[in-house]
Amino acid sequence: MRGHGEDSPVTSGSAVSGSKGKNQRSVKRSRAVAVRAKKSGSHTRRGRETSSLRNDPQEEDPKLRKTFKAVDREVESILANHPREIGFCHTFGDVKRGILKEKYGIDWKSPSEMNPDVCFD
């Protein structure tokens, strides 16, 4: 799967709204950790790096792999002009969940639901 948890865009250099100073540094630091983790193929889980995220097991079902790939392509097409900023992975997941449920009757859990101890942005 090209699940947005694993391949979700990490925006770098995007504007941070709100107060400057400590909060902005914290956001930049979080992004830097996410970028380093993404480059190394690992993810940060409450300050510890791990090598993988849990995905909905249905995505690994050989009978459904093509369906999930097709839905990912459809979601990418639908969101082609949507800004890739903080929170985009949740938008991607919401659209994907809707398509999977409406077209295929699949109740899918997003990476954020499968990994409650990981902060997705």
C-alpha atoms as a PDB file:
ATOM      1  CA  MET A   1       0.000   0.000   0.000  1.00  0.00           C
ATOM      2  CA  ARG A   2       1.041   3.515  -0.603  1.00  0.00           C
ATOM      3  CA  GLY A   3      -0.726   4.358   2.620  1.00  0.00           C
ATOM      4  CA  HIS A   4      -0.561   7.934   3.595  1.00  0.00           C
ATOM      5  CA  GLY A   5       0.886   6.987   6.954  1.00  0.00           C
ATOM      6  CA  GLU A   6       4.032   5.685   5.319  1.00  0.00           C
ATOM      7  CA  ASP A   7       4.179   7.996   2.342  1.00  0.00           C
ATOM      8  CA  SER A   8       2.227  10.952   3.610  1.00  0.00           C
ATOM      9  CA  PRO A   9       3.759  14.212   2.519  1.00  0.00           C
ATOM     10  CA  VAL A  10       5.938  15.932   5.065  1.00  0.00           C
ATOM     11  CA  THR A  11       5.720  19.583   4.243  1.00  0.00           C
ATOM     12  CA  SER A  12       8.911  21.490   4.657  1.00  0.00           C
ATOM     13  CA  GLY A  13       9.069  25.221   4.600  1.00  0.00           C
ATOM     14  CA  SER A  14       5.315  25.714   4.764  1.00  0.00           C
ATOM     15  CA  ALA A  15       4.025  28.651   6.757  1.00  0.00           C
ATOM     16  CA  VAL A  16       3.260  28.034  10.391  1.00  0.00           C
ATOM     17  CA  SER A  17       0.307  30.060  11.543  1.00  0.00           C
ATOM     18  CA  GLY A  18      -0.159  31.212  15.089  1.00  0.00           C
ATOM     19  CA  SER A  19       2.355  32.507  17.586  1.00  0.00           C
ATOM     20  CA  LYS A  20       6.027  32.504  16.838  1.00  0.00           C
ATOM     21  CA  GLY A  21       8.835  31.503  19.102  1.00  0.00           C
ATOM     22  CA  LYS A  22       8.669  28.340  21.155  1.00  0.00           C
ATOM     23  CA  ASN A  23       5.683  26.824  19.300  1.00  0.00           C
ATOM     24  CA  GLN A  24       7.224  27.478  15.911  1.00  0.00           C
ATOM     25  CA  ARG A  25      10.543  25.958  17.003  1.00  0.00           C
ATOM     26  CA  SER A  26       8.669  22.926  18.339  1.00  0.00           C
ATOM     27  CA  VAL A  27       6.854  22.449  15.024  1.00  0.00           C
ATOM     28  CA  LYS A  28      10.102  22.810  13.074  1.00  0.00           C
ATOM     29  CA  ARG A  29      11.815  20.318  15.391  1.00  0.00           C
ATOM     30  CA  SER A  30       8.923  17.856  14.977  1.00  0.00           C
ATOM     31  CA  ARG A  31       9.106  18.188  11.217  1.00  0.00           C
ATOM     32  CA  ALA A  32      12.861  17.693  11.263  1.00  0.00           C
ATOM     33  CA  VAL A  33      12.443  14.484  13.273  1.00  0.00           C
ATOM     34  CA  ALA A  34       9.724  13.317  10.865  1.00  0.00           C
ATOM     35  CA  VAL A  35      11.884  14.110   7.827  1.00  0.00           C
ATOM     36  CA  ARG A  36      14.914  12.304   9.296  1.00  0.00           C
ATOM     37  CA  ALA A  37      12.732   9.333  10.240  1.00  0.00           C
ATOM     38  CA  LYS A  38      11.139   9.260   6.786  1.00  0.00           C
ATOM     39  CA  LYS A  39      14.540   9.351   5.080  1.00  0.00           C
ATOM     40  CA  SER A  40      15.847   6.567   7.278  1.00  0.00           C
ATOM     41  CA  GLY A  41      12.732   4.447   6.795  1.00  0.00           C
ATOM     42  CA  SER A  42      11.794   4.631  10.452  1.00  0.00           C
ATOM     43  CA  HIS A  43       9.147   6.476  12.389  1.00  0.00           C
ATOM     44  CA  THR A  44       9.129   8.171  15.752  1.00  0.00           C
ATOM     45  CA  ARG A  45       6.909   6.695  18.397  1.00  0.00           C
ATOM     46  CA  ARG A  46       6.842   8.691  21.640  1.00  0.00           C
ATOM     47  CA  GLY A  47      10.454   9.681  21.255  1.00  0.00           C
ATOM     48  CA  ARG A  48      11.648   6.233  20.138  1.00  0.00           C
ATOM     49  CA  GLU A  49      12.372   5.322  16.560  1.00  0.00           C
ATOM     50  CA  THR A  50      10.815   2.141  15.210  1.00  0.00           C
ATOM     51  CA  SER A  51      11.112   0.551  11.811  1.00  0.00           C
ATOM     52  CA  SER A  52       7.468   0.260  10.841  1.00  0.00           C
ATOM     53  CA  LEU A  53       3.930   1.434  11.322  1.00  0.00           C
ATOM     54  CA  ARG A  54       0.922  -0.807  11.695  1.00  0.00           C
ATOM     55  CA  ASN A  55      -1.470  -0.775   8.746  1.00  0.00           C
ATOM     56  CA  ASP A  56      -4.948  -2.181   8.393  1.00  0.00           C
ATOM     57  CA  PRO A  57      -4.380  -5.925   7.756  1.00  0.00           C
ATOM     58  CA  GLN A  58      -6.889  -5.827   4.889  1.00  0.00           C
ATOM     59  CA  GLU A  59      -4.282  -3.936   2.862  1.00  0.00           C
ATOM     60  CA  GLU A  60      -2.056  -7.021   2.867  1.00  0.00           C
ATOM     61  CA  ASP A  61      -4.812  -9.365   1.675  1.00  0.00           C
ATOM     62  CA  PRO A  62      -3.745 -10.537  -1.803  1.00  0.00           C
ATOM     63  CA  LYS A  63      -7.388 -10.426  -2.930  1.00  0.00           C
ATOM     64  CA  LEU A  64      -7.670  -6.729  -2.001  1.00  0.00           C
ATOM     65  CA  ARG A  65      -4.243  -5.359  -2.983  1.00  0.00           C
ATOM     66  CA  LYS A  66      -5.391  -4.225  -6.424  1.00  0.00           C
ATOM     67  CA  THR A  67      -8.453  -2.590  -4.893  1.00  0.00           C
ATOM     68  CA  PHE A  68      -6.341  -0.621  -2.414  1.00  0.00           C
ATOM     69  CA  LYS A  69      -3.913   0.457  -5.150  1.00  0.00           C
ATOM     70  CA  ALA A  70      -6.782   1.581  -7.368  1.00  0.00           C
ATOM     71  CA  VAL A  71      -8.382   3.514  -4.512  1.00  0.00           C
ATOM     72  CA  ASP A  72      -5.051   5.194  -3.675  1.00  0.00           C
ATOM     73  CA  ARG A  73      -4.754   6.318  -7.313  1.00  0.00           C
ATOM     74  CA  GLU A  74      -8.342   7.579  -7.252  1.00  0.00           C
ATOM     75  CA  VAL A  75      -7.752   9.546  -4.059  1.00  0.00           C
ATOM     76  CA  GLU A  76      -4.561  11.045  -5.516  1.00  0.00           C
ATOM     77  CA  SER A  77      -6.557  12.113  -8.564  1.00  0.00           C
ATOM     78  CA  ILE A  78      -9.361  13.625  -6.468  1.00  0.00           C
ATOM     79  CA  LEU A  79      -6.894  15.529  -4.269  1.00  0.00           C
ATOM     80  CA  ALA A  80      -4.490  16.488  -7.070  1.00  0.00           C
ATOM     81  CA  ASN A  81      -5.047  20.217  -6.530  1.00  0.00           C
ATOM     82  CA  HIS A  82      -5.452  20.068  -2.758  1.00  0.00           C
ATOM     83  CA  PRO A  83      -2.598  21.758  -0.871  1.00  0.00           C
ATOM     84  CA  ARG A  84      -0.164  19.298   0.722  1.00  0.00           C
ATOM     85  CA  GLU A  85       0.083  20.938   4.106  1.00  0.00           C
ATOM     86  CA  ILE A  86      -0.230  19.926   7.740  1.00  0.00           C
ATOM     87  CA  GLY A  87      -3.247  17.671   8.123  1.00  0.00           C
ATOM     88  CA  PHE A  88      -3.270  16.469   4.508  1.00  0.00           C
ATOM     89  CA  CYS A  89      -2.778  12.847   5.527  1.00  0.00           C
ATOM     90  CA  HIS A  90      -6.056  13.018   7.460  1.00  0.00           C
ATOM     91  CA  THR A  91      -7.860  14.437   4.417  1.00  0.00           C
ATOM     92  CA  PHE A  92      -6.365  11.657   2.295  1.00  0.00           C
ATOM     93  CA  GLY A  93      -7.515   9.051   4.817  1.00  0.00           C
ATOM     94  CA  ASP A  94     -11.032  10.460   5.023  1.00  0.00           C
ATOM     95  CA  VAL A  95     -11.464  10.406   1.234  1.00  0.00           C
ATOM     96  CA  LYS A  96      -9.938   6.929   1.018  1.00  0.00           C
ATOM     97  CA  ARG A  97     -12.191   5.607   3.799  1.00  0.00           C
ATOM     98  CA  GLY A  98     -15.271   6.991   2.035  1.00  0.00           C
ATOM     99  CA  ILE A  99     -14.406   5.419  -1.318  1.00  0.00           C
ATOM    100  CA  LEU A 100     -13.548   2.060   0.244  1.00  0.00           C
ATOM    101  CA  LYS A 101     -16.825   2.012   2.182  1.00  0.00           C
ATOM    102  CA  GLU A 102     -19.125   3.316  -0.565  1.00  0.00           C
ATOM    103  CA  LYS A 103     -17.710   1.435  -3.572  1.00  0.00           C
ATOM    104  CA  TYR A 104     -16.352  -1.738  -1.988  1.00  0.00           C
ATOM    105  CA  GLY A 105     -18.057  -2.095   1.399  1.00  0.00           C
ATOM    106  CA  ILE A 106     -14.646  -2.156   3.124  1.00  0.00           C
ATOM    107  CA  ASP A 107     -14.354  -0.723   6.631  1.00  0.00           C
ATOM    108  CA  TRP A 108     -10.777   0.552   6.589  1.00  0.00           C
ATOM    109  CA  LYS A 109      -8.721   1.875   9.480  1.00  0.00           C
ATOM    110  CA  SER A 110      -6.262   4.653   8.726  1.00  0.00           C
ATOM    111  CA  PRO A 111      -2.647   4.574   9.898  1.00  0.00           C
ATOM    112  CA  SER A 112      -3.535   7.129  12.589  1.00  0.00           C
ATOM    113  CA  GLU A 113      -6.219   4.781  13.909  1.00  0.00           C
ATOM    114  CA  MET A 114      -3.864   1.800  13.751  1.00  0.00           C
ATOM    115  CA  ASN A 115      -1.037   3.731  15.459  1.00  0.00           C
ATOM    116  CA  PRO A 116      -2.610   5.839  18.217  1.00  0.00           C
ATOM    117  CA  ASP A 117       0.795   6.466  19.778  1.00  0.00           C
ATOM    118  CA  VAL A 118       2.089   8.210  16.632  1.00  0.00           C
ATOM    119  CA  CYS A 119       1.343  11.838  15.795  1.00  0.00           C
ATOM    120  CA  PHE A 120       0.476  12.243  12.110  1.00  0.00           C
ATOM    121  CA  ASP A 121       0.415  15.723  10.616  1.00  0.00           C
END
